[in-house]
Protein backbone atom coordinates (compact mmCIF):
# COMPACT_ATOMS: atom_id res chain seq x y z
CA MET A 1 79.39 50.13 49.75
CA ALA A 2 76.65 53.17 48.76
CA ALA A 3 74.13 51.23 50.46
CA LEU A 4 75.74 51.51 53.87
CA GLY A 5 76.19 55.37 53.17
CA SER A 6 72.31 55.71 52.32
CA LEU A 7 71.92 53.17 55.41
CA GLY A 8 73.82 55.35 57.78
CA ALA A 9 72.07 58.59 56.53
CA ALA A 10 68.52 56.89 57.49
CA LEU A 11 69.67 55.85 60.82
CA ALA A 12 70.99 59.54 61.52
CA VAL A 13 67.47 60.74 60.44
CA PHE A 14 65.68 58.18 62.33
CA VAL A 15 67.70 58.87 65.35
CA SER A 16 67.16 62.78 65.24
CA ALA A 17 63.31 62.69 64.48
CA THR A 18 63.57 60.27 67.68
CA VAL A 19 65.64 62.57 70.07
CA ALA A 20 63.30 65.65 68.80
CA LEU A 21 60.15 63.89 69.45
CA VAL A 22 61.02 63.02 72.96
CA ALA A 23 62.17 66.49 73.54
CA LEU A 24 58.95 68.29 72.38
CA ARG A 25 56.77 65.67 74.12
CA SER A 26 58.62 66.13 77.60
CA ALA A 27 58.41 70.22 76.60
CA SER A 28 54.86 69.73 76.30
CA ASP A 29 54.54 68.09 79.30
CA ALA A 30 56.53 70.45 81.29
CA ILE A 31 54.58 73.35 80.40
CA ALA A 32 51.11 71.68 80.14
CA GLY A 33 48.53 73.63 82.16
CA VAL A 34 50.79 75.77 83.95
CA GLY A 35 48.85 78.43 85.90
CA GLU A 36 45.46 76.88 85.26
CA THR A 37 43.05 76.74 87.28
CA ALA A 38 39.97 74.15 87.20
CA SER A 39 37.38 75.74 85.97
CA GLU A 40 40.21 76.81 82.44
CA ARG A 41 40.59 73.27 82.11
CA VAL A 42 36.79 72.08 81.37
CA PRO A 43 36.68 72.03 77.98
CA PHE A 44 33.33 74.51 76.90
CA LEU A 45 31.13 74.38 73.61
CA GLY A 46 30.73 78.74 73.37
CA GLY A 47 30.52 79.36 76.99
CA HIS A 48 28.16 76.52 78.29
CA PRO A 49 29.66 73.07 79.85
CA PRO A 50 29.50 70.19 77.47
CA GLU A 51 26.26 67.87 77.30
CA THR A 52 28.31 65.10 75.58
CA HIS A 53 31.63 63.47 76.32
CA ALA A 54 34.52 64.44 73.64
CA TRP A 55 35.31 60.82 72.98
CA SER A 56 31.45 59.75 71.93
CA ARG A 57 31.04 57.30 69.14
CA PHE A 58 30.00 58.60 65.49
CA HIS A 59 27.53 55.84 64.05
CA ALA A 60 28.75 54.25 61.17
CA ARG A 61 27.03 56.09 58.44
CA TYR A 62 29.79 58.91 59.04
CA TYR A 63 32.75 56.52 58.09
CA VAL A 64 31.03 55.01 55.33
CA MET A 65 30.73 59.09 53.92
CA ALA A 66 33.92 59.78 54.67
CA LEU A 67 35.33 56.58 53.12
CA LEU A 68 33.36 57.92 49.47
CA PHE A 69 34.71 61.10 49.98
CA LEU A 70 37.87 59.51 50.49
CA ALA A 71 37.55 57.54 46.92
CA PHE A 72 36.30 60.67 45.26
CA ASP A 73 39.26 62.64 46.72
CA MET A 74 41.53 60.05 45.29
CA GLU A 75 40.05 59.77 41.68
CA MET A 76 40.80 63.61 41.91
CA VAL A 77 44.44 63.19 42.43
CA PHE A 78 44.71 60.47 39.96
CA MET A 79 43.01 62.83 37.28
CA TYR A 80 44.97 65.99 37.57
CA PRO A 81 48.43 64.35 36.33
CA TRP A 82 46.25 62.04 33.96
CA ALA A 83 45.16 65.26 32.05
CA VAL A 84 49.45 65.92 31.49
CA VAL A 85 49.95 62.45 30.30
CA PHE A 86 46.42 63.04 27.65
CA VAL A 87 48.65 65.46 26.04
CA ARG A 88 51.26 62.90 25.32
CA GLU A 89 49.32 59.64 25.00
CA GLY A 90 46.12 60.56 23.83
CA GLY A 91 44.01 57.96 23.22
CA ILE A 92 45.74 55.13 25.17
CA ALA A 93 45.47 57.55 28.46
CA LEU A 94 41.90 58.10 27.74
CA ALA A 95 40.95 54.31 27.39
CA GLU A 96 42.51 53.84 31.03
CA MET A 97 40.89 56.65 32.71
CA GLY A 98 37.66 55.22 30.79
CA MET A 99 38.48 51.55 32.44
CA PHE A 100 39.50 53.80 36.06
CA ILE A 101 36.36 55.82 36.07
CA THR A 102 34.42 52.50 35.62
CA ILE A 103 35.62 51.13 38.49
CA LEU A 104 34.74 53.78 40.62
CA LEU A 105 31.12 54.38 39.15
CA LEU A 106 30.62 50.21 40.13
CA GLY A 107 31.68 50.97 43.26
CA VAL A 108 29.37 53.88 43.56
CA LEU A 109 26.80 52.03 41.89
CA TYR A 110 26.99 48.86 44.47
CA ALA A 111 26.76 51.43 47.49
CA TRP A 112 24.05 52.92 46.20
CA ARG A 113 22.06 49.85 45.61
CA GLU A 114 23.23 48.48 49.65
CA ARG A 115 21.74 51.98 50.22
CA ALA A 116 25.25 53.09 51.62
CA LEU A 117 24.21 56.46 50.72
CA ARG A 118 21.27 56.88 52.50
CA TRP A 119 21.33 58.86 55.74
CA ALA A 120 18.50 58.31 57.18
């Protein structure tokens, strides 16, 4: 019986989020571009017309760098709570973090070997 109550609460949250999404999207569409001239709707860069399209593609190198950044960012996300656990657990936590950092280091060494870190 308790599962039915939580299912009802989840359904209520889903329905209210969907209604809010539709209402906000409708309001945005209704007021978008009201009172703008054609020259005001053109995107600009420092007052000059853009030379490239806003949807131009980036080189694959940028995506590799972004993924490497996310890998190291996730490492730091896991290291902060680890510091708290390390105080309680001691050597076991140190060994586990050593394995985690070793796996990440192997990934960096592989990327280095494949020349993924070269910019040019």
